[in-house]
């Protein structure tokens, strides 16, 4: 296996998000590698109209998207709930400069979590984002993904707001620890 995903590894809701990105003419997708976003990242990497930019830390994505907006392009930041804590200070840039920022956040530390280290930031992600002025949409079910992501993009790009879409762990799937590795 060469590391690429098969079509079966990409979830239908990830395909829907990619189609919404295309319809919104997004050009930049910043991300820190994450199993919950793996299928969506693969779709973006295969899309000639989008640039997939891996980050070493989530706050770099906020700066990248601010620069993209100043250059006339739209983008989105993909991250896991554990990365929200890394972004708190950089979210002040969005509040001060008032540029659109959309964050799609896969939640860990919730339903069926095996890793206790994921639980505290899971509990703190939404309150931290709200404290920094971000608006929050939460998705629990696959049927709500497309409309919620489209609404987040419309709100952010229509009013220069920071909008976070929290993709519940029940939606993305339970992580299972296996001997020699894990989630």
N, C-alpha and C. Protein backbone atom coordinates (compact mmCIF):
# COMPACT_ATOMS: atom_id res chain seq x y z
N UNK A 1 0.84 -1.18 0.00
CA UNK A 1 0.00 0.00 0.00
C UNK A 1 0.89 1.24 0.00
N UNK A 2 0.58 2.20 -0.82
CA UNK A 2 1.42 3.38 -0.98
C UNK A 2 0.97 4.58 -0.15
N UNK A 3 0.00 4.42 0.74
CA UNK A 3 -0.42 5.51 1.61
C UNK A 3 -1.62 6.28 1.08
N UNK A 4 -1.99 6.09 -0.19
CA UNK A 4 -3.15 6.78 -0.73
C UNK A 4 -4.42 6.11 -0.24
N UNK A 5 -5.49 6.87 -0.19
CA UNK A 5 -6.77 6.33 0.24
C UNK A 5 -7.52 5.75 -0.94
N UNK A 6 -8.27 4.70 -0.68
CA UNK A 6 -9.18 4.20 -1.70
C UNK A 6 -10.48 4.99 -1.59
N UNK A 7 -11.31 4.89 -2.62
CA UNK A 7 -12.61 5.57 -2.58
C UNK A 7 -13.44 5.13 -1.38
N UNK A 8 -13.24 3.90 -0.93
CA UNK A 8 -14.01 3.40 0.20
C UNK A 8 -13.58 4.04 1.52
N UNK A 9 -12.37 4.60 1.56
CA UNK A 9 -11.86 5.22 2.78
C UNK A 9 -12.36 6.66 2.96
N UNK A 10 -12.96 7.21 1.91
CA UNK A 10 -13.45 8.59 1.97
C UNK A 10 -14.95 8.54 2.27
N UNK A 11 -15.33 9.19 3.36
CA UNK A 11 -16.73 9.14 3.79
C UNK A 11 -17.59 10.08 2.93
N UNK A 12 -18.86 9.72 2.74
CA UNK A 12 -19.74 10.56 1.92
C UNK A 12 -19.79 12.02 2.39
N UNK A 13 -19.80 12.25 3.70
CA UNK A 13 -19.86 13.62 4.18
C UNK A 13 -18.57 14.39 3.86
N UNK A 14 -17.44 13.69 3.75
CA UNK A 14 -16.19 14.35 3.36
C UNK A 14 -16.27 14.77 1.89
N UNK A 15 -16.87 13.94 1.06
CA UNK A 15 -17.09 14.30 -0.35
C UNK A 15 -18.00 15.52 -0.47
N UNK A 16 -19.03 15.56 0.38
CA UNK A 16 -19.93 16.71 0.37
C UNK A 16 -19.20 18.00 0.74
N UNK A 17 -18.36 17.91 1.75
CA UNK A 17 -17.59 19.10 2.14
C UNK A 17 -16.70 19.54 0.98
N UNK A 18 -16.03 18.61 0.33
CA UNK A 18 -15.16 18.96 -0.79
C UNK A 18 -15.96 19.65 -1.90
N UNK A 19 -17.14 19.14 -2.19
CA UNK A 19 -18.00 19.77 -3.21
C UNK A 19 -18.40 21.20 -2.80
N UNK A 20 -18.65 21.40 -1.53
CA UNK A 20 -18.97 22.74 -1.03
C UNK A 20 -17.76 23.65 -1.17
N UNK A 21 -16.58 23.14 -0.86
CA UNK A 21 -15.35 23.93 -1.06
C UNK A 21 -15.22 24.34 -2.52
N UNK A 22 -15.48 23.42 -3.44
CA UNK A 22 -15.40 23.74 -4.87
C UNK A 22 -16.41 24.81 -5.25
N UNK A 23 -17.65 24.66 -4.80
CA UNK A 23 -18.71 25.61 -5.13
C UNK A 23 -18.40 27.00 -4.57
N UNK A 24 -17.73 27.04 -3.42
CA UNK A 24 -17.38 28.33 -2.80
C UNK A 24 -16.09 28.91 -3.35
N UNK A 25 -15.46 28.23 -4.29
CA UNK A 25 -14.20 28.66 -4.90
C UNK A 25 -13.08 28.84 -3.86
N UNK A 26 -13.03 27.91 -2.89
CA UNK A 26 -11.92 27.94 -1.93
C UNK A 26 -10.64 27.55 -2.65
N UNK A 27 -9.56 28.23 -2.33
CA UNK A 27 -8.28 27.96 -2.97
C UNK A 27 -7.24 27.40 -2.01
N UNK A 28 -7.43 27.63 -0.71
CA UNK A 28 -6.43 27.22 0.27
C UNK A 28 -7.07 26.39 1.38
N UNK A 29 -6.49 25.25 1.66
CA UNK A 29 -6.92 24.42 2.78
C UNK A 29 -5.68 24.15 3.63
N UNK A 30 -5.65 24.80 4.79
CA UNK A 30 -4.56 24.61 5.74
C UNK A 30 -4.98 23.51 6.71
N UNK A 31 -4.02 22.67 7.09
CA UNK A 31 -4.37 21.58 7.99
C UNK A 31 -3.15 21.07 8.73
N UNK A 32 -3.43 20.51 9.90
CA UNK A 32 -2.46 19.67 10.60
C UNK A 32 -2.98 18.25 10.38
N UNK A 33 -2.14 17.33 9.93
CA UNK A 33 -2.63 15.98 9.63
C UNK A 33 -3.47 15.40 10.78
N UNK A 34 -4.61 14.81 10.40
CA UNK A 34 -5.58 14.33 11.36
C UNK A 34 -6.37 13.19 10.72
N UNK A 35 -6.51 12.09 11.42
CA UNK A 35 -7.24 10.94 10.88
C UNK A 35 -8.70 11.28 10.58
N UNK A 36 -9.32 12.15 11.36
CA UNK A 36 -10.71 12.52 11.13
C UNK A 36 -10.93 13.29 9.84
N UNK A 37 -9.92 14.01 9.39
CA UNK A 37 -9.99 14.78 8.14
C UNK A 37 -9.28 14.08 6.99
N UNK A 38 -8.76 12.88 7.21
CA UNK A 38 -7.90 12.20 6.23
C UNK A 38 -8.53 12.12 4.83
N UNK A 39 -9.78 11.72 4.75
CA UNK A 39 -10.44 11.61 3.45
C UNK A 39 -10.60 12.95 2.77
N UNK A 40 -11.01 13.97 3.53
CA UNK A 40 -11.17 15.31 2.97
C UNK A 40 -9.82 15.86 2.51
N UNK A 41 -8.79 15.65 3.29
CA UNK A 41 -7.46 16.11 2.90
C UNK A 41 -7.04 15.46 1.59
N UNK A 42 -7.29 14.16 1.44
CA UNK A 42 -6.94 13.46 0.20
C UNK A 42 -7.68 14.05 -0.99
N UNK A 43 -8.96 14.38 -0.81
CA UNK A 43 -9.73 14.99 -1.91
C UNK A 43 -9.15 16.36 -2.29
N UNK A 44 -8.80 17.15 -1.30
CA UNK A 44 -8.22 18.48 -1.57
C UNK A 44 -6.87 18.33 -2.26
N UNK A 45 -6.05 17.39 -1.81
CA UNK A 45 -4.75 17.18 -2.43
C UNK A 45 -4.88 16.80 -3.91
N UNK A 46 -5.95 16.14 -4.26
CA UNK A 46 -6.17 15.73 -5.64
C UNK A 46 -6.88 16.76 -6.48
N UNK A 47 -7.20 17.90 -5.91
CA UNK A 47 -7.95 18.95 -6.61
C UNK A 47 -6.98 20.01 -7.12
N UNK A 48 -6.87 20.14 -8.41
CA UNK A 48 -5.93 21.10 -9.02
C UNK A 48 -6.25 22.56 -8.69
N UNK A 49 -7.50 22.84 -8.33
CA UNK A 49 -7.91 24.22 -8.05
C UNK A 49 -7.61 24.65 -6.61
N UNK A 50 -7.20 23.70 -5.78
CA UNK A 50 -6.95 24.00 -4.36
C UNK A 50 -5.51 23.68 -3.98
N UNK A 51 -5.01 24.45 -3.03
CA UNK A 51 -3.70 24.18 -2.46
C UNK A 51 -3.90 23.63 -1.06
N UNK A 52 -3.43 22.43 -0.83
CA UNK A 52 -3.46 21.81 0.49
C UNK A 52 -2.13 22.12 1.17
N UNK A 53 -2.20 22.82 2.30
CA UNK A 53 -0.98 23.26 2.99
C UNK A 53 -0.89 22.64 4.37
N UNK A 54 -0.01 21.64 4.54
CA UNK A 54 0.16 21.07 5.88
C UNK A 54 0.89 22.05 6.78
N UNK A 55 0.42 22.14 8.02
CA UNK A 55 1.00 23.04 9.01
C UNK A 55 1.67 22.21 10.10
N UNK A 56 2.66 22.79 10.75
CA UNK A 56 3.25 22.11 11.89
C UNK A 56 2.47 22.39 13.17
N UNK A 57 1.71 23.47 13.17
CA UNK A 57 0.85 23.83 14.29
C UNK A 57 -0.35 24.61 13.75
N UNK A 58 -1.48 24.46 14.40
CA UNK A 58 -2.74 24.99 13.89
C UNK A 58 -2.77 26.51 13.73
N UNK A 59 -2.11 27.23 14.62
CA UNK A 59 -2.16 28.69 14.51
C UNK A 59 -1.51 29.20 13.24
N UNK A 60 -0.58 28.44 12.67
CA UNK A 60 0.01 28.82 11.38
C UNK A 60 -1.06 28.91 10.31
N UNK A 61 -2.07 28.07 10.40
CA UNK A 61 -3.16 28.08 9.42
C UNK A 61 -3.95 29.37 9.46
N UNK A 62 -4.13 29.94 10.64
CA UNK A 62 -4.85 31.21 10.75
C UNK A 62 -4.07 32.30 10.03
N UNK A 63 -2.77 32.35 10.24
CA UNK A 63 -1.93 33.35 9.56
C UNK A 63 -1.94 33.14 8.05
N UNK A 64 -1.85 31.88 7.62
CA UNK A 64 -1.87 31.58 6.19
C UNK A 64 -3.19 32.05 5.56
N UNK A 65 -4.30 31.80 6.24
CA UNK A 65 -5.59 32.19 5.69
C UNK A 65 -5.80 33.70 5.72
N UNK A 66 -5.22 34.39 6.69
CA UNK A 66 -5.27 35.86 6.67
C UNK A 66 -4.53 36.39 5.45
N UNK A 67 -3.37 35.84 5.17
CA UNK A 67 -2.61 36.26 3.99
C UNK A 67 -3.33 35.91 2.70
N UNK A 68 -3.95 34.74 2.65
CA UNK A 68 -4.71 34.35 1.45
C UNK A 68 -5.84 35.34 1.20
N UNK A 69 -6.54 35.72 2.27
CA UNK A 69 -7.65 36.67 2.14
C UNK A 69 -7.14 38.03 1.64
N UNK A 70 -6.03 38.47 2.18
CA UNK A 70 -5.45 39.74 1.71
C UNK A 70 -5.05 39.66 0.24
N UNK A 71 -4.70 38.46 -0.22
CA UNK A 71 -4.35 38.25 -1.62
C UNK A 71 -5.54 37.96 -2.51
N UNK A 72 -6.74 37.98 -1.96
CA UNK A 72 -7.94 37.79 -2.76
C UNK A 72 -8.46 36.36 -2.85
N UNK A 73 -7.95 35.46 -2.02
CA UNK A 73 -8.38 34.06 -2.06
C UNK A 73 -9.12 33.68 -0.78
N UNK A 74 -9.92 32.63 -0.90
CA UNK A 74 -10.65 32.07 0.24
C UNK A 74 -9.98 30.76 0.66
N UNK A 75 -10.15 30.45 1.95
CA UNK A 75 -9.59 29.19 2.44
C UNK A 75 -10.31 28.73 3.69
N UNK A 76 -9.84 27.62 4.21
CA UNK A 76 -10.41 27.01 5.41
C UNK A 76 -9.29 26.31 6.17
N UNK A 77 -9.48 26.18 7.48
CA UNK A 77 -8.52 25.51 8.35
C UNK A 77 -9.14 24.24 8.89
N UNK A 78 -8.46 23.11 8.70
CA UNK A 78 -8.89 21.82 9.24
C UNK A 78 -8.00 21.48 10.42
N UNK A 79 -8.64 21.08 11.53
CA UNK A 79 -7.86 20.68 12.70
C UNK A 79 -8.67 19.78 13.60
N UNK A 80 -8.01 19.22 14.59
CA UNK A 80 -8.62 18.39 15.61
C UNK A 80 -8.86 19.26 16.84
N UNK A 81 -9.79 18.87 17.68
CA UNK A 81 -10.11 19.66 18.87
C UNK A 81 -8.89 19.92 19.74
N UNK A 82 -7.94 19.00 19.79
CA UNK A 82 -6.75 19.21 20.60
C UNK A 82 -5.91 20.38 20.09
N UNK A 83 -6.09 20.78 18.85
CA UNK A 83 -5.36 21.90 18.28
C UNK A 83 -5.95 23.26 18.58
N UNK A 84 -7.17 23.29 19.09
CA UNK A 84 -7.81 24.58 19.38
C UNK A 84 -6.98 25.38 20.38
N UNK A 85 -6.45 24.70 21.38
CA UNK A 85 -5.64 25.39 22.39
C UNK A 85 -4.42 26.08 21.79
N UNK A 86 -3.92 25.53 20.70
CA UNK A 86 -2.76 26.15 20.04
C UNK A 86 -3.12 27.44 19.32
N UNK A 87 -4.39 27.69 19.10
CA UNK A 87 -4.84 28.82 18.27
C UNK A 87 -5.30 30.04 19.05
N UNK A 88 -5.43 29.92 20.34
CA UNK A 88 -6.09 30.98 21.12
C UNK A 88 -5.47 32.35 20.88
N UNK A 89 -4.18 32.48 21.01
CA UNK A 89 -3.55 33.78 20.82
C UNK A 89 -3.71 34.27 19.38
N UNK A 90 -3.56 33.39 18.41
CA UNK A 90 -3.65 33.80 17.00
C UNK A 90 -5.08 34.19 16.61
N UNK A 91 -6.08 33.71 17.33
CA UNK A 91 -7.45 34.13 17.03
C UNK A 91 -7.66 35.62 17.28
N UNK A 92 -6.79 36.22 18.08
CA UNK A 92 -6.85 37.67 18.27
C UNK A 92 -6.57 38.40 16.96
N UNK A 93 -5.76 37.82 16.09
CA UNK A 93 -5.50 38.41 14.77
C UNK A 93 -6.80 38.53 13.99
N UNK A 94 -7.60 37.49 13.99
CA UNK A 94 -8.88 37.53 13.26
C UNK A 94 -9.80 38.58 13.87
N UNK A 95 -9.89 38.63 15.18
CA UNK A 95 -10.77 39.60 15.82
C UNK A 95 -10.33 41.04 15.57
N UNK A 96 -9.04 41.27 15.57
CA UNK A 96 -8.52 42.62 15.38
C UNK A 96 -8.60 43.06 13.91
N UNK A 97 -8.27 42.15 13.00
CA UNK A 97 -8.21 42.50 11.58
C UNK A 97 -9.50 42.21 10.82
N UNK A 98 -10.41 41.49 11.43
CA UNK A 98 -11.74 41.20 10.85
C UNK A 98 -11.68 40.62 9.44
N UNK A 99 -11.10 39.44 9.33
CA UNK A 99 -11.12 38.71 8.07
C UNK A 99 -11.92 37.43 8.27
N UNK A 100 -12.49 36.87 7.20
CA UNK A 100 -13.26 35.65 7.35
C UNK A 100 -12.35 34.47 7.71
N UNK A 101 -12.80 33.65 8.64
CA UNK A 101 -12.04 32.48 9.05
C UNK A 101 -13.01 31.34 9.31
N UNK A 102 -12.85 30.26 8.58
CA UNK A 102 -13.66 29.07 8.78
C UNK A 102 -12.74 27.95 9.25
N UNK A 103 -13.13 27.33 10.36
CA UNK A 103 -12.36 26.22 10.93
C UNK A 103 -13.28 25.01 11.02
N UNK A 104 -12.85 23.90 10.43
CA UNK A 104 -13.57 22.63 10.57
C UNK A 104 -12.78 21.80 11.57
N UNK A 105 -13.41 21.47 12.69
CA UNK A 105 -12.71 20.87 13.81
C UNK A 105 -13.30 19.50 14.12
N UNK A 106 -12.48 18.46 13.94
CA UNK A 106 -12.92 17.13 14.33
C UNK A 106 -12.73 17.00 15.83
N UNK A 107 -13.77 16.57 16.49
CA UNK A 107 -13.75 16.49 17.94
C UNK A 107 -13.25 15.13 18.40
N UNK A 108 -12.37 15.15 19.36
CA UNK A 108 -11.90 13.97 20.08
C UNK A 108 -12.28 14.16 21.54
N UNK A 109 -12.11 13.13 22.33
CA UNK A 109 -12.40 13.24 23.75
C UNK A 109 -13.87 13.18 24.08
N UNK A 110 -14.67 12.71 23.14
CA UNK A 110 -16.12 12.61 23.35
C UNK A 110 -16.53 11.15 23.32
N UNK A 111 -17.54 10.85 22.60
CA UNK A 111 -18.20 9.56 22.49
C UNK A 111 -17.21 8.43 22.21
N UNK A 112 -17.06 7.54 23.18
CA UNK A 112 -16.24 6.36 23.00
C UNK A 112 -14.74 6.61 22.95
N UNK A 113 -14.26 7.72 23.45
CA UNK A 113 -12.82 8.04 23.40
C UNK A 113 -12.02 7.07 24.26
N UNK A 114 -10.87 6.65 23.75
CA UNK A 114 -9.98 5.77 24.51
C UNK A 114 -8.82 6.53 25.13
N UNK A 115 -8.53 7.72 24.67
CA UNK A 115 -7.34 8.45 25.08
C UNK A 115 -7.73 9.57 26.06
N UNK A 116 -7.39 9.44 27.34
CA UNK A 116 -7.78 10.45 28.31
C UNK A 116 -7.18 11.83 28.06
N UNK A 117 -6.09 11.90 27.32
CA UNK A 117 -5.46 13.19 27.03
C UNK A 117 -6.32 14.05 26.10
N UNK A 118 -7.24 13.42 25.37
CA UNK A 118 -8.10 14.17 24.45
C UNK A 118 -9.28 14.84 25.16
N UNK A 119 -9.64 14.35 26.34
CA UNK A 119 -10.86 14.80 27.00
C UNK A 119 -10.82 16.27 27.45
N UNK A 120 -9.79 16.76 28.11
CA UNK A 120 -9.82 18.15 28.57
C UNK A 120 -10.00 19.18 27.45
N UNK A 121 -9.27 19.04 26.35
CA UNK A 121 -9.41 20.03 25.28
C UNK A 121 -10.74 19.87 24.56
N UNK A 122 -11.26 18.66 24.55
CA UNK A 122 -12.59 18.47 23.97
C UNK A 122 -13.61 19.30 24.74
N UNK A 123 -13.53 19.25 26.05
CA UNK A 123 -14.43 20.05 26.88
C UNK A 123 -14.18 21.54 26.73
N UNK A 124 -12.92 21.91 26.52
CA UNK A 124 -12.57 23.33 26.47
C UNK A 124 -12.63 23.97 25.10
N UNK A 125 -12.75 23.18 24.04
CA UNK A 125 -12.66 23.75 22.68
C UNK A 125 -13.74 24.79 22.41
N UNK A 126 -15.00 24.44 22.61
CA UNK A 126 -16.06 25.40 22.30
C UNK A 126 -16.00 26.65 23.19
N UNK A 127 -15.86 26.51 24.51
CA UNK A 127 -15.77 27.73 25.33
C UNK A 127 -14.57 28.61 24.95
N UNK A 128 -13.44 28.00 24.61
CA UNK A 128 -12.26 28.79 24.23
C UNK A 128 -12.51 29.54 22.92
N UNK A 129 -13.09 28.86 21.95
CA UNK A 129 -13.39 29.51 20.68
C UNK A 129 -14.39 30.65 20.86
N UNK A 130 -15.41 30.41 21.66
CA UNK A 130 -16.40 31.46 21.93
C UNK A 130 -15.78 32.65 22.65
N UNK A 131 -14.90 32.38 23.61
CA UNK A 131 -14.23 33.47 24.33
C UNK A 131 -13.41 34.35 23.40
N UNK A 132 -12.91 33.76 22.31
CA UNK A 132 -12.12 34.53 21.33
C UNK A 132 -12.97 35.07 20.19
N UNK A 133 -14.29 34.99 20.32
CA UNK A 133 -15.19 35.64 19.37
C UNK A 133 -15.65 34.77 18.21
N UNK A 134 -15.31 33.50 18.21
CA UNK A 134 -15.75 32.63 17.12
C UNK A 134 -17.20 32.20 17.32
N UNK A 135 -17.91 32.11 16.23
CA UNK A 135 -19.27 31.56 16.23
C UNK A 135 -19.14 30.05 16.03
N UNK A 136 -20.03 29.30 16.65
CA UNK A 136 -19.90 27.84 16.65
C UNK A 136 -21.13 27.19 16.03
N UNK A 137 -20.88 26.25 15.13
CA UNK A 137 -21.90 25.32 14.63
C UNK A 137 -21.40 23.92 14.99
N UNK A 138 -22.27 23.10 15.52
CA UNK A 138 -21.89 21.73 15.88
C UNK A 138 -22.68 20.75 15.04
N UNK A 139 -22.00 19.72 14.52
CA UNK A 139 -22.64 18.70 13.69
C UNK A 139 -22.50 17.35 14.37
N UNK A 140 -23.63 16.72 14.61
CA UNK A 140 -23.67 15.39 15.24
C UNK A 140 -23.99 14.29 14.22
N UNK A 141 -24.71 14.65 13.14
CA UNK A 141 -25.20 13.65 12.20
C UNK A 141 -24.79 13.97 10.78
N UNK A 142 -24.53 12.93 10.01
CA UNK A 142 -24.06 13.07 8.63
C UNK A 142 -24.98 13.94 7.78
N UNK A 143 -26.28 13.82 7.97
CA UNK A 143 -27.24 14.57 7.16
C UNK A 143 -27.15 16.08 7.32
N UNK A 144 -26.52 16.55 8.38
CA UNK A 144 -26.42 17.99 8.63
C UNK A 144 -25.09 18.59 8.19
N UNK A 145 -24.16 17.77 7.76
CA UNK A 145 -22.81 18.26 7.45
C UNK A 145 -22.81 19.29 6.33
N UNK A 146 -23.38 18.96 5.20
CA UNK A 146 -23.31 19.83 4.02
C UNK A 146 -23.91 21.21 4.29
N UNK A 147 -25.13 21.24 4.82
CA UNK A 147 -25.78 22.52 5.08
C UNK A 147 -25.01 23.34 6.11
N UNK A 148 -24.48 22.67 7.12
CA UNK A 148 -23.77 23.38 8.17
C UNK A 148 -22.47 23.99 7.65
N UNK A 149 -21.70 23.25 6.88
CA UNK A 149 -20.45 23.79 6.32
C UNK A 149 -20.75 24.92 5.35
N UNK A 150 -21.77 24.76 4.51
CA UNK A 150 -22.14 25.84 3.58
C UNK A 150 -22.57 27.09 4.34
N UNK A 151 -23.35 26.91 5.41
CA UNK A 151 -23.78 28.06 6.22
C UNK A 151 -22.60 28.75 6.90
N UNK A 152 -21.64 27.97 7.37
CA UNK A 152 -20.45 28.54 8.00
C UNK A 152 -19.65 29.38 7.00
N UNK A 153 -19.48 28.86 5.80
CA UNK A 153 -18.76 29.62 4.77
C UNK A 153 -19.51 30.90 4.42
N UNK A 154 -20.82 30.80 4.26
CA UNK A 154 -21.61 31.99 3.94
C UNK A 154 -21.49 33.05 5.04
N UNK A 155 -21.62 32.62 6.28
CA UNK A 155 -21.54 33.56 7.40
C UNK A 155 -20.16 34.19 7.50
N UNK A 156 -19.13 33.39 7.46
CA UNK A 156 -17.77 33.91 7.59
C UNK A 156 -17.43 34.87 6.46
N UNK A 157 -17.69 34.44 5.23
CA UNK A 157 -17.30 35.26 4.08
C UNK A 157 -18.27 36.38 3.79
N UNK A 158 -19.49 36.31 4.35
CA UNK A 158 -20.45 37.39 4.18
C UNK A 158 -20.32 38.48 5.22
N UNK A 159 -19.66 38.16 6.35
CA UNK A 159 -19.61 39.15 7.44
C UNK A 159 -18.27 39.23 8.15
N UNK A 160 -17.22 38.68 7.54
CA UNK A 160 -15.87 38.75 8.13
C UNK A 160 -15.82 38.24 9.57
N UNK A 161 -16.42 37.08 9.78
CA UNK A 161 -16.48 36.47 11.10
C UNK A 161 -15.59 35.22 11.15
N UNK A 162 -15.25 34.81 12.35
CA UNK A 162 -14.62 33.50 12.58
C UNK A 162 -15.74 32.54 12.92
N UNK A 163 -15.80 31.44 12.18
CA UNK A 163 -16.84 30.43 12.40
C UNK A 163 -16.16 29.07 12.51
N UNK A 164 -16.51 28.35 13.56
CA UNK A 164 -15.97 27.01 13.76
C UNK A 164 -17.10 26.00 13.62
N UNK A 165 -16.86 24.96 12.82
CA UNK A 165 -17.79 23.85 12.71
C UNK A 165 -17.16 22.69 13.48
N UNK A 166 -17.83 22.28 14.54
CA UNK A 166 -17.34 21.18 15.36
C UNK A 166 -17.98 19.89 14.85
N UNK A 167 -17.15 19.00 14.33
CA UNK A 167 -17.62 17.72 13.80
C UNK A 167 -17.49 16.69 14.92
N UNK A 168 -18.62 16.31 15.49
CA UNK A 168 -18.66 15.46 16.67
C UNK A 168 -17.95 14.13 16.44
N UNK A 169 -17.38 13.59 17.51
CA UNK A 169 -16.68 12.31 17.42
C UNK A 169 -17.61 11.20 16.98
N UNK A 170 -18.88 11.28 17.34
CA UNK A 170 -19.83 10.27 16.91
C UNK A 170 -19.96 10.28 15.38
N UNK A 171 -19.86 11.44 14.76
CA UNK A 171 -19.90 11.57 13.30
C UNK A 171 -18.63 11.03 12.66
N UNK A 172 -17.48 11.43 13.17
CA UNK A 172 -16.22 11.05 12.52
C UNK A 172 -15.84 9.60 12.77
N UNK A 173 -16.39 9.04 13.85
CA UNK A 173 -16.12 7.64 14.16
C UNK A 173 -15.25 7.48 15.39
N UNK A 174 -15.50 6.43 16.05
CA UNK A 174 -14.79 6.09 17.28
C UNK A 174 -13.35 5.70 16.95
N UNK A 175 -12.43 6.21 17.71
CA UNK A 175 -11.02 5.81 17.58
C UNK A 175 -10.81 4.58 18.46
N UNK A 176 -10.07 3.65 17.95
CA UNK A 176 -9.82 2.42 18.69
C UNK A 176 -8.33 2.24 18.85
N UNK A 177 -7.89 2.04 20.09
CA UNK A 177 -6.49 1.80 20.34
C UNK A 177 -6.17 0.38 19.97
N UNK A 178 -5.04 0.21 19.29
CA UNK A 178 -4.57 -1.13 18.97
C UNK A 178 -3.14 -1.26 19.48
N UNK A 179 -2.77 -2.46 19.84
CA UNK A 179 -1.41 -2.71 20.32
C UNK A 179 -0.41 -2.29 19.24
N UNK A 180 0.57 -1.50 19.65
CA UNK A 180 1.58 -1.04 18.69
C UNK A 180 1.19 0.21 17.96
N UNK A 181 0.10 0.81 18.32
CA UNK A 181 -0.35 2.04 17.64
C UNK A 181 -1.73 2.38 18.11
N UNK A 182 -2.31 3.30 17.46
CA UNK A 182 -3.64 3.70 17.88
C UNK A 182 -4.13 4.86 17.09
N UNK A 183 -5.16 5.49 17.61
CA UNK A 183 -5.89 6.54 16.93
C UNK A 183 -5.12 7.74 16.71
